[in-house]
Every structure is written in C-alpha cells, then in structure tokens.
Amino acid sequence: MFDDVPHFVSVIADGLLVTVQATVGGIILATVLSFVAGLAILSHRVAVRTVARVYIEIWRGTSEVVQLFWLYFVLPVLTGFQLLPLWAGILVLGLNFGAYGAEIVRGSVQSVPKEQHEGGVALNFSSAQRMRRIILPQALVEMVPPFNNLFIQLLKGTALLTFITVPEMTHQATVILVPAFTSEVALIFTLLLLFYLVLSIVITFLMRLLERWAARKVGRTPAKRDQAIATGGGVA
C-alpha cells in the first residue's frame, strides 16, 4: 500500500506550483479589493458606499462555484473573451474573498478608538492623512488575525479550480490518481490533506510575522505567547 506513496506525492506535487500561484494571486487581488471596498463603505459619499455595498453583497451572497462557472463559461458567450482557466480562478478567488475582506477592513477601522480620530483633527491632519498615518496602522493590527483565516479559506478554495481543469493539487489527485488507483483513495486524499495543511501552516507563520511587525510599528508589545516562542520558552 505505502509503496505507492512516493508516486502519489510526486503527482500531487506537480500541482503544487499552480495551487501556490492561484493562492498568491487570489490573496493579492483580495487584499487590494478588501481595502478599496472596505474604505469605500466608510465614505461620506452615498454613491461610493452604494457601489461598494453592491459589490460586497453580490460576491459574498452568491455561490463561489457558480461565480467560477459564470466567469469561465458564460462570460465568453456574452463577450467572446475567454479567460485562461488559472486567471479565471484567480479572479473569482480575489473578487469573492475581497468581498469578505472588505468587512474585515471596515470593522477594524471602526474599532480604532474615537480619540485617535480626534487627535488627528487636533493635529490639523486631512482625512487622508488621518487614515494613512493614524487609523490604518492601528487597524492593521486588528485585521491580521481575521485575514489569516480568510487567506487559509482562500487556499482551500483553490480546490474548486479543478472544475475548470486547472491542474492544481486537487485536480492531480482526483483526475489523475484516483481513477488509476481506486483501491487507495483514502491514502491519496490523506496525502492531499497534508499538502493543504502544510500550506496553511506557512500562511499562518507569515501572518504571525506580519502581526508582530504591525504591532511594533504602533508601539504595541507582542502577545505573551509570541514572547514565549521568541525566547524559546513554553506557554503556561
């Protein structure tokens, strides 16, 4: 049974780069859209808030699979323009998770104490200066943990790209390995789970580093758990 493990790992790993590309591309697009829509929803202009809210509700309120099918199968029929499968996947992941991320940005910005806003006014900062120099640096510390969860969900969402024949890890397992090794399905999917688990741990590690950096920038000390880890100690 375990004699085939090296082969299974090799075949699944053939889709690792594509999974990483889809994840990184989706994260970059989702992050940009999160900040744009999240800040737009706080705008004083009704039109800007309306556009942001429509985007958030459409992409957060509809099926991710249907969104993927719509962009890949329906859009070419309507426009004659066919997206490459990987780019269609990245676009859907970015748009979908950007809608969720917008609410994280909005909530984090609103969680900054009112006194911080007032301090910026007292310093005669413009609205843009207050946001860039006072509010966002503090809000970023609050954003990182929920964004960590969001990015892990986005990673897992890359498995949906197998529906449009993107050769990512799930595609390698379900389309190439399972039909040829039907008696070892449990082993194949266990290995696939481990691949996703390792990538999730990598994302969490990087986001923890970002959280500590953001905390230091605004003069906050790391959590006790992080201090213990950094000094090699245990957690009581």
C-alpha atoms as a PDB file:
ATOM      1  CA  MET A   1       0.000   0.000   0.000  1.00  0.00           C
ATOM      2  CA  PHE A   2       2.653   2.504   1.073  1.00  0.00           C
ATOM      3  CA  ASP A   3       4.938   1.550  -1.798  1.00  0.00           C
ATOM      4  CA  ASP A   4       2.981   3.965  -3.980  1.00  0.00           C
ATOM      5  CA  VAL A   5       3.375   6.932  -1.610  1.00  0.00           C
ATOM      6  CA  PRO A   6       6.389   8.469  -3.432  1.00  0.00           C
ATOM      7  CA  HIS A   7       4.463   8.322  -6.714  1.00  0.00           C
ATOM      8  CA  PHE A   8       1.343   9.845  -5.163  1.00  0.00           C
ATOM      9  CA  VAL A   9       3.363  12.635  -3.553  1.00  0.00           C
ATOM     10  CA  SER A  10       5.120  13.344  -6.856  1.00  0.00           C
ATOM     11  CA  VAL A  11       1.884  13.584  -8.834  1.00  0.00           C
ATOM     12  CA  ILE A  12       0.156  15.808  -6.262  1.00  0.00           C
ATOM     13  CA  ALA A  13       3.297  17.970  -6.036  1.00  0.00           C
ATOM     14  CA  ASP A  14       3.041  18.550  -9.795  1.00  0.00           C
ATOM     15  CA  GLY A  15       0.016  20.705  -8.977  1.00  0.00           C
ATOM     16  CA  LEU A  16       1.655  22.465  -6.020  1.00  0.00           C
ATOM     17  CA  LEU A  17       3.052  25.379  -8.018  1.00  0.00           C
ATOM     18  CA  VAL A  18      -0.317  26.045  -9.654  1.00  0.00           C
ATOM     19  CA  THR A  19      -2.037  25.944  -6.254  1.00  0.00           C
ATOM     20  CA  VAL A  20       0.517  28.406  -4.873  1.00  0.00           C
ATOM     21  CA  GLN A  21       0.104  30.673  -7.909  1.00  0.00           C
ATOM     22  CA  ALA A  22      -3.687  30.678  -7.533  1.00  0.00           C
ATOM     23  CA  THR A  23      -3.395  31.306  -3.791  1.00  0.00           C
ATOM     24  CA  VAL A  24      -0.886  34.150  -4.055  1.00  0.00           C
ATOM     25  CA  GLY A  25      -2.727  35.745  -6.965  1.00  0.00           C
ATOM     26  CA  GLY A  26      -6.034  35.458  -5.139  1.00  0.00           C
ATOM     27  CA  ILE A  27      -4.547  36.884  -1.932  1.00  0.00           C
ATOM     28  CA  ILE A  28      -3.058  39.898  -3.733  1.00  0.00           C
ATOM     29  CA  LEU A  29      -6.289  40.705  -5.558  1.00  0.00           C
ATOM     30  CA  ALA A  30      -8.441  40.039  -2.478  1.00  0.00           C
ATOM     31  CA  THR A  31      -6.251  42.293  -0.327  1.00  0.00           C
ATOM     32  CA  VAL A  32      -6.448  45.192  -2.783  1.00  0.00           C
ATOM     33  CA  LEU A  33     -10.218  44.829  -3.161  1.00  0.00           C
ATOM     34  CA  SER A  34     -10.652  44.460   0.598  1.00  0.00           C
ATOM     35  CA  PHE A  35      -9.041  47.816   1.280  1.00  0.00           C
ATOM     36  CA  VAL A  36     -10.702  49.580  -1.641  1.00  0.00           C
ATOM     37  CA  ALA A  37     -14.209  48.308  -0.825  1.00  0.00           C
ATOM     38  CA  GLY A  38     -13.708  48.394   2.946  1.00  0.00           C
ATOM     39  CA  LEU A  39     -12.693  52.045   2.922  1.00  0.00           C
ATOM     40  CA  ALA A  40     -15.295  52.898   0.283  1.00  0.00           C
ATOM     41  CA  ILE A  41     -18.059  51.565   2.515  1.00  0.00           C
ATOM     42  CA  LEU A  42     -16.961  54.156   5.102  1.00  0.00           C
ATOM     43  CA  SER A  43     -17.061  57.017   2.602  1.00  0.00           C
ATOM     44  CA  HIS A  44     -19.261  60.044   3.224  1.00  0.00           C
ATOM     45  CA  ARG A  45     -20.412  59.850  -0.390  1.00  0.00           C
ATOM     46  CA  VAL A  46     -23.587  57.828  -0.877  1.00  0.00           C
ATOM     47  CA  ALA A  47     -22.678  56.763  -4.427  1.00  0.00           C
ATOM     48  CA  VAL A  48     -19.309  55.370  -3.322  1.00  0.00           C
ATOM     49  CA  ARG A  49     -20.882  53.492  -0.414  1.00  0.00           C
ATOM     50  CA  THR A  50     -23.588  52.108  -2.689  1.00  0.00           C
ATOM     51  CA  VAL A  51     -21.138  50.768  -5.268  1.00  0.00           C
ATOM     52  CA  ALA A  52     -19.034  49.145  -2.541  1.00  0.00           C
ATOM     53  CA  ARG A  53     -22.089  47.602  -0.875  1.00  0.00           C
ATOM     54  CA  VAL A  54     -23.404  46.195  -4.164  1.00  0.00           C
ATOM     55  CA  TYR A  55     -20.024  44.579  -4.870  1.00  0.00           C
ATOM     56  CA  ILE A  56     -19.813  43.091  -1.378  1.00  0.00           C
ATOM     57  CA  GLU A  57     -23.340  41.694  -1.347  1.00  0.00           C
ATOM     58  CA  ILE A  58     -23.152  40.186  -4.852  1.00  0.00           C
ATOM     59  CA  TRP A  59     -19.845  38.394  -4.360  1.00  0.00           C
ATOM     60  CA  ARG A  60     -20.471  37.453  -0.741  1.00  0.00           C
ATOM     61  CA  GLY A  61     -24.056  36.384  -1.317  1.00  0.00           C
ATOM     62  CA  THR A  62     -23.669  34.074  -4.322  1.00  0.00           C
ATOM     63  CA  SER A  63     -22.087  30.655  -4.769  1.00  0.00           C
ATOM     64  CA  GLU A  64     -18.354  30.618  -5.402  1.00  0.00           C
ATOM     65  CA  VAL A  65     -18.757  27.656  -7.758  1.00  0.00           C
ATOM     66  CA  VAL A  66     -21.430  29.451  -9.782  1.00  0.00           C
ATOM     67  CA  GLN A  67     -19.239  32.561  -9.904  1.00  0.00           C
ATOM     68  CA  LEU A  68     -16.425  30.428 -11.289  1.00  0.00           C
ATOM     69  CA  PHE A  69     -18.669  28.828 -13.905  1.00  0.00           C
ATOM     70  CA  TRP A  70     -20.150  32.189 -14.838  1.00  0.00           C
ATOM     71  CA  LEU A  71     -16.781  33.818 -15.488  1.00  0.00           C
ATOM     72  CA  TYR A  72     -15.318  30.829 -17.295  1.00  0.00           C
ATOM     73  CA  PHE A  73     -18.308  29.570 -19.294  1.00  0.00           C
ATOM     74  CA  VAL A  74     -20.864  32.401 -19.520  1.00  0.00           C
ATOM     75  CA  LEU A  75     -18.573  35.430 -19.968  1.00  0.00           C
ATOM     76  CA  PRO A  76     -17.095  34.097 -23.255  1.00  0.00           C
ATOM     77  CA  VAL A  77     -20.612  33.569 -24.635  1.00  0.00           C
ATOM     78  CA  LEU A  78     -21.590  37.158 -23.804  1.00  0.00           C
ATOM     79  CA  THR A  79     -18.347  38.902 -24.780  1.00  0.00           C
ATOM     80  CA  GLY A  80     -16.363  36.493 -26.930  1.00  0.00           C
ATOM     81  CA  PHE A  81     -13.452  36.868 -24.498  1.00  0.00           C
ATOM     82  CA  GLN A  82     -12.161  33.645 -22.939  1.00  0.00           C
ATOM     83  CA  LEU A  83     -10.127  33.857 -19.756  1.00  0.00           C
ATOM     84  CA  LEU A  84      -7.368  31.341 -19.188  1.00  0.00           C
ATOM     85  CA  PRO A  85      -8.535  28.812 -16.560  1.00  0.00           C
ATOM     86  CA  LEU A  86      -5.970  29.863 -13.956  1.00  0.00           C
ATOM     87  CA  TRP A  87      -6.707  33.568 -14.431  1.00  0.00           C
ATOM     88  CA  ALA A  88     -10.437  32.925 -14.173  1.00  0.00           C
ATOM     89  CA  GLY A  89      -9.813  31.106 -10.915  1.00  0.00           C
ATOM     90  CA  ILE A  90      -7.631  33.873  -9.501  1.00  0.00           C
ATOM     91  CA  LEU A  91     -10.213  36.485 -10.485  1.00  0.00           C
ATOM     92  CA  VAL A  92     -13.050  34.633  -8.762  1.00  0.00           C
ATOM     93  CA  LEU A  93     -10.995  33.966  -5.625  1.00  0.00           C
ATOM     94  CA  GLY A  94      -9.922  37.607  -5.446  1.00  0.00           C
ATOM     95  CA  LEU A  95     -13.398  39.023  -6.032  1.00  0.00           C
ATOM     96  CA  ASN A  96     -15.096  36.587  -3.669  1.00  0.00           C
ATOM     97  CA  PHE A  97     -12.712  36.818  -0.747  1.00  0.00           C
ATOM     98  CA  GLY A  98     -12.190  40.530  -1.335  1.00  0.00           C
ATOM     99  CA  ALA A  99     -15.873  40.997  -0.513  1.00  0.00           C
ATOM    100  CA  TYR A 100     -15.398  39.218   2.814  1.00  0.00           C
ATOM    101  CA  GLY A 101     -12.157  41.067   3.454  1.00  0.00           C
ATOM    102  CA  ALA A 102     -13.884  44.410   2.922  1.00  0.00           C
ATOM    103  CA  GLU A 103     -15.952  43.789   6.038  1.00  0.00           C
ATOM    104  CA  ILE A 104     -12.772  42.964   7.971  1.00  0.00           C
ATOM    105  CA  VAL A 105     -11.231  46.282   6.904  1.00  0.00           C
ATOM    106  CA  ARG A 106     -14.406  48.198   7.710  1.00  0.00           C
ATOM    107  CA  GLY A 107     -14.746  46.631  11.156  1.00  0.00           C
ATOM    108  CA  SER A 108     -11.084  47.093  12.014  1.00  0.00           C
ATOM    109  CA  VAL A 109     -11.086  50.764  11.019  1.00  0.00           C
ATOM    110  CA  GLN A 110     -14.230  51.382  13.050  1.00  0.00           C
ATOM    111  CA  SER A 111     -12.672  49.632  16.064  1.00  0.00           C
ATOM    112  CA  VAL A 112      -9.962  52.296  16.372  1.00  0.00           C
ATOM    113  CA  PRO A 113     -10.910  54.493  19.355  1.00  0.00           C
ATOM    114  CA  LYS A 114     -12.646  57.750  18.531  1.00  0.00           C
ATOM    115  CA  GLU A 115      -9.956  59.648  20.437  1.00  0.00           C
ATOM    116  CA  GLN A 116      -7.440  58.682  17.759  1.00  0.00           C
ATOM    117  CA  HIS A 117      -9.583  60.349  15.103  1.00  0.00           C
ATOM    118  CA  GLU A 118      -9.931  63.427  17.282  1.00  0.00           C
ATOM    119  CA  GLY A 119      -6.173  63.530  17.847  1.00  0.00           C
ATOM    120  CA  GLY A 120      -5.645  63.639  14.080  1.00  0.00           C
ATOM    121  CA  VAL A 121      -8.075  66.515  13.795  1.00  0.00           C
ATOM    122  CA  ALA A 122      -6.261  68.344  16.572  1.00  0.00           C
ATOM    123  CA  LEU A 123      -3.008  67.932  14.628  1.00  0.00           C
ATOM    124  CA  ASN A 124      -4.729  69.503  11.615  1.00  0.00           C
ATOM    125  CA  PHE A 125      -4.375  66.336   9.507  1.00  0.00           C
ATOM    126  CA  SER A 126      -6.607  65.937   6.487  1.00  0.00           C
ATOM    127  CA  SER A 127      -8.945  62.947   6.299  1.00  0.00           C
ATOM    128  CA  ALA A 128      -6.483  61.087   4.070  1.00  0.00           C
ATOM    129  CA  GLN A 129      -3.568  61.866   6.406  1.00  0.00           C
ATOM    130  CA  ARG A 130      -5.526  60.721   9.455  1.00  0.00           C
ATOM    131  CA  MET A 131      -6.410  57.474   7.722  1.00  0.00           C
ATOM    132  CA  ARG A 132      -2.905  56.790   6.422  1.00  0.00           C
ATOM    133  CA  ARG A 133      -0.846  57.895   9.429  1.00  0.00           C
ATOM    134  CA  ILE A 134      -3.063  57.190  12.430  1.00  0.00           C
ATOM    135  CA  ILE A 135      -6.063  54.949  11.735  1.00  0.00           C
ATOM    136  CA  LEU A 136      -4.808  52.318   9.275  1.00  0.00           C
ATOM    137  CA  PRO A 137      -1.579  51.452  11.156  1.00  0.00           C
ATOM    138  CA  GLN A 138      -3.633  50.676  14.265  1.00  0.00           C
ATOM    139  CA  ALA A 139      -6.421  48.946  12.348  1.00  0.00           C
ATOM    140  CA  LEU A 140      -3.900  46.728  10.549  1.00  0.00           C
ATOM    141  CA  VAL A 141      -3.006  45.012  13.824  1.00  0.00           C
ATOM    142  CA  GLU A 142      -6.670  44.059  14.256  1.00  0.00           C
ATOM    143  CA  MET A 143      -7.022  42.967  10.624  1.00  0.00           C
ATOM    144  CA  VAL A 144      -4.211  40.424  10.523  1.00  0.00           C
ATOM    145  CA  PRO A 145      -5.815  37.543  12.519  1.00  0.00           C
ATOM    146  CA  PRO A 146      -9.099  37.538  10.546  1.00  0.00           C
ATOM    147  CA  PHE A 147      -7.172  37.974   7.298  1.00  0.00           C
ATOM    148  CA  ASN A 148      -5.123  34.936   8.282  1.00  0.00           C
ATOM    149  CA  ASN A 149      -8.318  32.884   8.466  1.00  0.00           C
ATOM    150  CA  LEU A 150      -9.562  34.414   5.218  1.00  0.00           C
ATOM    151  CA  PHE A 151      -6.380  33.543   3.341  1.00  0.00           C
ATOM    152  CA  ILE A 152      -6.488  29.961   4.578  1.00  0.00           C
ATOM    153  CA  GLN A 153     -10.067  29.719   3.338  1.00  0.00           C
ATOM    154  CA  LEU A 154      -8.887  31.136   0.024  1.00  0.00           C
ATOM    155  CA  LEU A 155      -6.169  28.475  -0.161  1.00  0.00           C
ATOM    156  CA  LYS A 156      -8.763  25.760   0.351  1.00  0.00           C
ATOM    157  CA  GLY A 157     -10.972  27.438  -2.234  1.00  0.00           C
ATOM    158  CA  THR A 158      -8.332  26.801  -4.912  1.00  0.00           C
ATOM    159  CA  ALA A 159      -9.554  23.188  -4.962  1.00  0.00           C
ATOM    160  CA  LEU A 160     -12.632  24.439  -6.829  1.00  0.00           C
ATOM    161  CA  LEU A 161     -10.441  25.281  -9.798  1.00  0.00           C
ATOM    162  CA  THR A 162     -10.395  21.598 -10.674  1.00  0.00           C
ATOM    163  CA  PHE A 163     -13.917  22.158 -12.066  1.00  0.00           C
ATOM    164  CA  ILE A 164     -12.431  24.249 -14.885  1.00  0.00           C
ATOM    165  CA  THR A 165      -9.487  21.873 -15.460  1.00  0.00           C
ATOM    166  CA  VAL A 166      -6.832  23.931 -13.697  1.00  0.00           C
ATOM    167  CA  PRO A 167      -4.084  21.363 -12.885  1.00  0.00           C
ATOM    168  CA  GLU A 168      -3.779  22.240  -9.196  1.00  0.00           C
ATOM    169  CA  MET A 169      -3.292  19.675  -6.429  1.00  0.00           C
ATOM    170  CA  THR A 170      -6.902  18.522  -6.127  1.00  0.00           C
ATOM    171  CA  HIS A 171      -7.084  18.082  -9.890  1.00  0.00           C
ATOM    172  CA  GLN A 172      -3.931  15.968  -9.814  1.00  0.00           C
ATOM    173  CA  ALA A 173      -5.403  13.765  -7.096  1.00  0.00           C
ATOM    174  CA  THR A 174      -8.964  13.372  -8.381  1.00  0.00           C
ATOM    175  CA  VAL A 175      -8.395  13.299 -12.139  1.00  0.00           C
ATOM    176  CA  ILE A 176      -5.029  11.574 -12.439  1.00  0.00           C
ATOM    177  CA  LEU A 177      -4.504   9.424  -9.340  1.00  0.00           C
ATOM    178  CA  VAL A 178      -7.949   8.287  -8.186  1.00  0.00           C
ATOM    179  CA  PRO A 179      -9.066   6.700 -11.500  1.00  0.00           C
ATOM    180  CA  ALA A 180      -5.801   4.735 -11.684  1.00  0.00           C
ATOM    181  CA  PHE A 181      -5.621   3.745  -8.004  1.00  0.00           C
ATOM    182  CA  THR A 182      -9.228   3.335  -6.894  1.00  0.00           C
ATOM    183  CA  SER A 183      -8.266   0.971  -4.071  1.00  0.00           C
ATOM    184  CA  GLU A 184      -6.007   3.600  -2.484  1.00  0.00           C
ATOM    185  CA  VAL A 185      -8.370   6.560  -2.435  1.00  0.00           C
ATOM    186  CA  ALA A 186      -8.011   7.012   1.339  1.00  0.00           C
ATOM    187  CA  LEU A 187      -4.240   7.296   1.096  1.00  0.00           C
ATOM    188  CA  ILE A 188      -4.390   9.682  -1.862  1.00  0.00           C
ATOM    189  CA  PHE A 189      -6.760  12.093  -0.145  1.00  0.00           C
ATOM    190  CA  THR A 190      -4.877  11.861   3.146  1.00  0.00           C
ATOM    191  CA  LEU A 191      -1.721  12.980   1.363  1.00  0.00           C
ATOM    192  CA  LEU A 192      -3.700  15.756  -0.315  1.00  0.00           C
ATOM    193  CA  LEU A 193      -4.949  16.912   3.079  1.00  0.00           C
ATOM    194  CA  LEU A 194      -1.382  17.038   4.358  1.00  0.00           C
ATOM    195  CA  PHE A 195      -0.317  19.214   1.427  1.00  0.00           C
ATOM    196  CA  TYR A 196      -3.060  21.733   2.244  1.00  0.00           C
ATOM    197  CA  LEU A 197      -2.210  21.560   5.937  1.00  0.00           C
ATOM    198  CA  VAL A 198       1.440  22.442   5.305  1.00  0.00           C
ATOM    199  CA  LEU A 199       0.461  25.386   3.095  1.00  0.00           C
ATOM    200  CA  SER A 200      -1.979  26.591   5.772  1.00  0.00           C
ATOM    201  CA  ILE A 201       0.790  26.471   8.375  1.00  0.00           C
ATOM    202  CA  VAL A 202       3.053  28.513   6.092  1.00  0.00           C
ATOM    203  CA  ILE A 203       0.341  31.170   5.672  1.00  0.00           C
ATOM    204  CA  THR A 204      -0.229  31.296   9.435  1.00  0.00           C
ATOM    205  CA  PHE A 205       3.506  31.639  10.120  1.00  0.00           C
ATOM    206  CA  LEU A 206       3.845  34.529   7.660  1.00  0.00           C
ATOM    207  CA  MET A 207       0.762  36.276   9.016  1.00  0.00           C
ATOM    208  CA  ARG A 208       2.073  35.955  12.580  1.00  0.00           C
ATOM    209  CA  LEU A 209       5.257  37.697  11.464  1.00  0.00           C
ATOM    210  CA  LEU A 210       3.164  40.426   9.847  1.00  0.00           C
ATOM    211  CA  GLU A 211       1.078  40.808  13.002  1.00  0.00           C
ATOM    212  CA  ARG A 212       4.162  41.274  15.176  1.00  0.00           C
ATOM    213  CA  TRP A 213       5.651  43.776  12.727  1.00  0.00           C
ATOM    214  CA  ALA A 214       2.399  45.761  12.623  1.00  0.00           C
ATOM    215  CA  ALA A 215       2.168  45.717  16.410  1.00  0.00           C
ATOM    216  CA  ARG A 216       5.716  47.049  16.794  1.00  0.00           C
ATOM    217  CA  LYS A 217       5.016  49.847  14.300  1.00  0.00           C
ATOM    218  CA  VAL A 218       2.280  51.217  16.556  1.00  0.00           C
ATOM    219  CA  GLY A 219       4.186  50.602  19.786  1.00  0.00           C
ATOM    220  CA  ARG A 220       2.340  47.516  20.969  1.00  0.00           C
ATOM    221  CA  THR A 221       4.140  44.622  22.634  1.00  0.00           C
ATOM    222  CA  PRO A 222       3.766  41.068  21.281  1.00  0.00           C
ATOM    223  CA  ALA A 223       1.304  38.745  22.928  1.00  0.00           C
ATOM    224  CA  LYS A 224       2.703  36.608  25.776  1.00  0.00           C
ATOM    225  CA  ARG A 225       2.527  33.521  23.597  1.00  0.00           C
ATOM    226  CA  ASP A 226       4.646  35.177  20.926  1.00  0.00           C
ATOM    227  CA  GLN A 227       7.147  36.391  23.516  1.00  0.00           C
ATOM    228  CA  ALA A 228       7.477  32.855  24.878  1.00  0.00           C
ATOM    229  CA  ILE A 229       8.015  31.446  21.416  1.00  0.00           C
ATOM    230  CA  ALA A 230      10.529  34.129  20.539  1.00  0.00           C
ATOM    231  CA  THR A 231      12.602  33.417  23.715  1.00  0.00           C
ATOM    232  CA  GLY A 232      12.324  29.652  23.355  1.00  0.00           C
ATOM    233  CA  GLY A 233      10.139  29.276  26.431  1.00  0.00           C
ATOM    234  CA  GLY A 234       6.921  27.415  26.862  1.00  0.00           C
ATOM    235  CA  VAL A 235       3.409  28.649  27.459  1.00  0.00           C
ATOM    236  CA  ALA A 236       1.989  28.004  30.916  1.00  0.00           C
END
